[in-house]
């Protein structure tokens, strides 16, 4: 359930980045951070926190978004293996 509920946040982050929308990046990163940490996906939560901080500082997180996408795929694989 976590992967299905979280996937739209990953999409929203990517779309917000494409449109250079810092507000939406910050909002989606904040939501992802909470969801990931609640599900004990700490690496994903930490990356989302870093992206939220970057957006608050006026940065688009160009280096963080691919890391978030990669970590999300890893988490999905781990969940599927359970």
N, C-alpha and C. Protein backbone atom coordinates (compact mmCIF):
# COMPACT_ATOMS: atom_id res chain seq x y z
N UNK A 1 0.81 -1.18 0.00
CA UNK A 1 0.00 0.00 0.00
C UNK A 1 0.87 1.27 0.00
N UNK A 2 2.01 1.24 0.70
CA UNK A 2 2.89 2.40 0.76
C UNK A 2 3.32 2.83 -0.63
N UNK A 3 3.76 1.89 -1.44
CA UNK A 3 4.26 2.24 -2.78
C UNK A 3 3.16 2.87 -3.63
N UNK A 4 1.97 2.31 -3.59
CA UNK A 4 0.87 2.85 -4.38
C UNK A 4 0.46 4.24 -3.92
N UNK A 5 0.48 4.45 -2.63
CA UNK A 5 0.06 5.75 -2.09
C UNK A 5 1.15 6.82 -2.26
N UNK A 6 2.39 6.39 -2.35
CA UNK A 6 3.50 7.32 -2.43
C UNK A 6 3.89 7.65 -3.87
N UNK A 7 3.63 6.78 -4.79
CA UNK A 7 4.00 7.00 -6.20
C UNK A 7 3.54 8.35 -6.73
N UNK A 8 2.32 8.81 -6.44
CA UNK A 8 1.92 10.12 -6.95
C UNK A 8 2.79 11.27 -6.43
N UNK A 9 3.37 11.12 -5.26
CA UNK A 9 4.26 12.16 -4.74
C UNK A 9 5.55 12.23 -5.57
N UNK A 10 6.04 11.07 -5.97
CA UNK A 10 7.24 11.03 -6.81
C UNK A 10 6.95 11.72 -8.13
N UNK A 11 5.79 11.43 -8.71
CA UNK A 11 5.38 12.06 -9.97
C UNK A 11 5.25 13.57 -9.78
N UNK A 12 4.63 13.98 -8.68
CA UNK A 12 4.44 15.41 -8.43
C UNK A 12 5.78 16.13 -8.28
N UNK A 13 6.73 15.50 -7.61
CA UNK A 13 8.06 16.09 -7.48
C UNK A 13 8.70 16.27 -8.84
N UNK A 14 8.63 15.24 -9.67
CA UNK A 14 9.23 15.32 -11.01
C UNK A 14 8.55 16.41 -11.84
N UNK A 15 7.22 16.47 -11.80
CA UNK A 15 6.50 17.48 -12.57
C UNK A 15 6.79 18.89 -12.06
N UNK A 16 6.84 19.05 -10.76
CA UNK A 16 7.15 20.36 -10.18
C UNK A 16 8.55 20.79 -10.57
N UNK A 17 9.47 19.86 -10.59
CA UNK A 17 10.83 20.17 -11.00
C UNK A 17 10.87 20.60 -12.46
N UNK A 18 10.13 19.90 -13.30
CA UNK A 18 10.07 20.24 -14.73
C UNK A 18 9.54 21.66 -14.93
N UNK A 19 8.57 22.03 -14.10
CA UNK A 19 7.96 23.36 -14.21
C UNK A 19 8.63 24.41 -13.33
N UNK A 20 9.72 24.02 -12.68
CA UNK A 20 10.47 24.92 -11.80
C UNK A 20 9.57 25.55 -10.74
N UNK A 21 8.73 24.72 -10.12
CA UNK A 21 7.77 25.16 -9.11
C UNK A 21 8.28 24.77 -7.72
N UNK A 22 8.99 25.69 -7.10
CA UNK A 22 9.59 25.41 -5.78
C UNK A 22 8.53 25.12 -4.72
N UNK A 23 7.41 25.79 -4.78
CA UNK A 23 6.35 25.57 -3.80
C UNK A 23 5.88 24.12 -3.85
N UNK A 24 5.57 23.61 -5.05
CA UNK A 24 5.09 22.24 -5.17
C UNK A 24 6.18 21.22 -4.84
N UNK A 25 7.42 21.53 -5.19
CA UNK A 25 8.53 20.64 -4.81
C UNK A 25 8.58 20.53 -3.29
N UNK A 26 8.54 21.67 -2.63
CA UNK A 26 8.61 21.70 -1.17
C UNK A 26 7.45 20.93 -0.54
N UNK A 27 6.24 21.16 -1.03
CA UNK A 27 5.05 20.50 -0.49
C UNK A 27 5.11 18.98 -0.69
N UNK A 28 5.45 18.55 -1.89
CA UNK A 28 5.51 17.11 -2.18
C UNK A 28 6.64 16.45 -1.41
N UNK A 29 7.78 17.14 -1.31
CA UNK A 29 8.91 16.59 -0.55
C UNK A 29 8.54 16.44 0.92
N UNK A 30 7.84 17.41 1.45
CA UNK A 30 7.40 17.34 2.85
C UNK A 30 6.47 16.14 3.07
N UNK A 31 5.52 15.95 2.17
CA UNK A 31 4.60 14.81 2.27
C UNK A 31 5.34 13.49 2.13
N UNK A 32 6.28 13.43 1.19
CA UNK A 32 7.06 12.21 0.98
C UNK A 32 7.90 11.91 2.22
N UNK A 33 8.48 12.94 2.79
CA UNK A 33 9.30 12.76 4.00
C UNK A 33 8.48 12.10 5.10
N UNK A 34 7.31 12.61 5.35
CA UNK A 34 6.46 12.05 6.40
C UNK A 34 6.03 10.63 6.11
N UNK A 35 5.60 10.39 4.88
CA UNK A 35 5.14 9.04 4.51
C UNK A 35 6.28 8.04 4.62
N UNK A 36 7.45 8.42 4.11
CA UNK A 36 8.59 7.50 4.11
C UNK A 36 9.06 7.20 5.53
N UNK A 37 9.14 8.21 6.33
CA UNK A 37 9.60 7.99 7.71
C UNK A 37 8.58 7.19 8.50
N UNK A 38 7.30 7.39 8.24
CA UNK A 38 6.26 6.61 8.92
C UNK A 38 6.35 5.13 8.56
N UNK A 39 6.81 4.85 7.34
CA UNK A 39 6.94 3.47 6.87
C UNK A 39 8.34 2.91 7.11
N UNK A 40 9.14 3.64 7.90
CA UNK A 40 10.52 3.22 8.22
C UNK A 40 11.42 3.13 6.99
N UNK A 41 11.13 3.94 6.00
CA UNK A 41 11.98 4.05 4.81
C UNK A 41 12.86 5.28 5.02
N UNK A 42 13.83 5.13 5.91
CA UNK A 42 14.58 6.28 6.40
C UNK A 42 15.44 6.95 5.35
N UNK A 43 16.05 6.19 4.46
CA UNK A 43 16.88 6.80 3.42
C UNK A 43 16.00 7.67 2.52
N UNK A 44 14.86 7.15 2.11
CA UNK A 44 13.93 7.91 1.29
C UNK A 44 13.44 9.15 2.04
N UNK A 45 13.13 8.99 3.31
CA UNK A 45 12.69 10.12 4.12
C UNK A 45 13.77 11.19 4.25
N UNK A 46 15.00 10.77 4.43
CA UNK A 46 16.11 11.73 4.54
C UNK A 46 16.34 12.47 3.22
N UNK A 47 16.24 11.76 2.11
CA UNK A 47 16.39 12.40 0.80
C UNK A 47 15.27 13.42 0.58
N UNK A 48 14.06 13.05 0.97
CA UNK A 48 12.93 13.98 0.84
C UNK A 48 13.13 15.21 1.73
N UNK A 49 13.66 15.01 2.93
CA UNK A 49 13.95 16.13 3.82
C UNK A 49 14.99 17.05 3.20
N UNK A 50 16.01 16.47 2.59
CA UNK A 50 17.03 17.27 1.92
C UNK A 50 16.44 18.07 0.77
N UNK A 51 15.51 17.44 0.02
CA UNK A 51 14.87 18.15 -1.09
C UNK A 51 13.99 19.27 -0.56
N UNK A 52 13.27 19.02 0.51
CA UNK A 52 12.44 20.07 1.11
C UNK A 52 13.32 21.26 1.54
N UNK A 53 14.43 20.97 2.18
CA UNK A 53 15.36 22.02 2.60
C UNK A 53 15.90 22.79 1.40
N UNK A 54 16.26 22.06 0.36
CA UNK A 54 16.79 22.70 -0.84
C UNK A 54 15.75 23.65 -1.44
N UNK A 55 14.51 23.19 -1.54
CA UNK A 55 13.44 24.02 -2.11
C UNK A 55 13.22 25.27 -1.25
N UNK A 56 13.29 25.10 0.06
CA UNK A 56 13.14 26.25 0.96
C UNK A 56 14.27 27.25 0.77
N UNK A 57 15.44 26.77 0.31
CA UNK A 57 16.59 27.63 0.06
C UNK A 57 16.63 28.13 -1.38
N UNK A 58 15.57 27.86 -2.16
CA UNK A 58 15.50 28.35 -3.53
C UNK A 58 16.20 27.49 -4.56
N UNK A 59 16.50 26.23 -4.19
CA UNK A 59 17.17 25.31 -5.11
C UNK A 59 16.18 24.24 -5.56
N UNK A 60 16.39 23.74 -6.77
CA UNK A 60 15.44 22.79 -7.36
C UNK A 60 15.76 21.33 -7.09
N UNK A 61 16.86 21.04 -6.45
CA UNK A 61 17.19 19.66 -6.09
C UNK A 61 17.55 18.79 -7.27
N UNK A 62 18.23 19.39 -8.24
CA UNK A 62 18.59 18.65 -9.46
C UNK A 62 19.30 17.33 -9.17
N UNK A 63 20.15 17.31 -8.16
CA UNK A 63 20.89 16.09 -7.83
C UNK A 63 20.08 15.16 -6.93
N UNK A 64 19.12 15.69 -6.20
CA UNK A 64 18.35 14.88 -5.25
C UNK A 64 17.22 14.09 -5.89
N UNK A 65 16.60 14.65 -6.90
CA UNK A 65 15.42 13.99 -7.49
C UNK A 65 15.77 12.64 -8.09
N UNK A 66 16.86 12.51 -8.85
CA UNK A 66 17.21 11.15 -9.33
C UNK A 66 17.50 10.18 -8.19
N UNK A 67 18.10 10.68 -7.11
CA UNK A 67 18.36 9.82 -5.95
C UNK A 67 17.06 9.36 -5.31
N UNK A 68 16.09 10.27 -5.22
CA UNK A 68 14.77 9.93 -4.66
C UNK A 68 14.09 8.88 -5.52
N UNK A 69 14.13 9.07 -6.83
CA UNK A 69 13.50 8.11 -7.74
C UNK A 69 14.16 6.74 -7.65
N UNK A 70 15.48 6.71 -7.56
CA UNK A 70 16.21 5.45 -7.44
C UNK A 70 15.88 4.75 -6.12
N UNK A 71 15.87 5.52 -5.04
CA UNK A 71 15.57 4.94 -3.72
C UNK A 71 14.12 4.45 -3.67
N UNK A 72 13.21 5.18 -4.27
CA UNK A 72 11.82 4.74 -4.30
C UNK A 72 11.69 3.41 -5.03
N UNK A 73 12.40 3.26 -6.14
CA UNK A 73 12.37 1.99 -6.88
C UNK A 73 12.95 0.86 -6.02
N UNK A 74 14.02 1.16 -5.28
CA UNK A 74 14.61 0.14 -4.40
C UNK A 74 13.61 -0.26 -3.31
N UNK A 75 12.95 0.71 -2.74
CA UNK A 75 11.95 0.43 -1.70
C UNK A 75 10.82 -0.43 -2.27
N UNK A 76 10.34 -0.09 -3.45
CA UNK A 76 9.28 -0.88 -4.07
C UNK A 76 9.71 -2.32 -4.28
N UNK A 77 10.95 -2.52 -4.69
CA UNK A 77 11.47 -3.87 -4.89
C UNK A 77 11.52 -4.63 -3.58
N UNK A 78 11.97 -3.96 -2.53
CA UNK A 78 12.04 -4.58 -1.21
C UNK A 78 10.65 -4.95 -0.71
N UNK A 79 9.68 -4.07 -0.90
CA UNK A 79 8.31 -4.35 -0.46
C UNK A 79 7.75 -5.54 -1.23
N UNK A 80 7.99 -5.59 -2.52
CA UNK A 80 7.47 -6.68 -3.34
C UNK A 80 8.07 -8.03 -2.91
N UNK A 81 9.28 -7.99 -2.36
CA UNK A 81 9.93 -9.23 -1.94
C UNK A 81 9.41 -9.75 -0.60
N UNK A 82 8.64 -8.96 0.10
CA UNK A 82 8.13 -9.39 1.40
C UNK A 82 7.07 -10.45 1.28
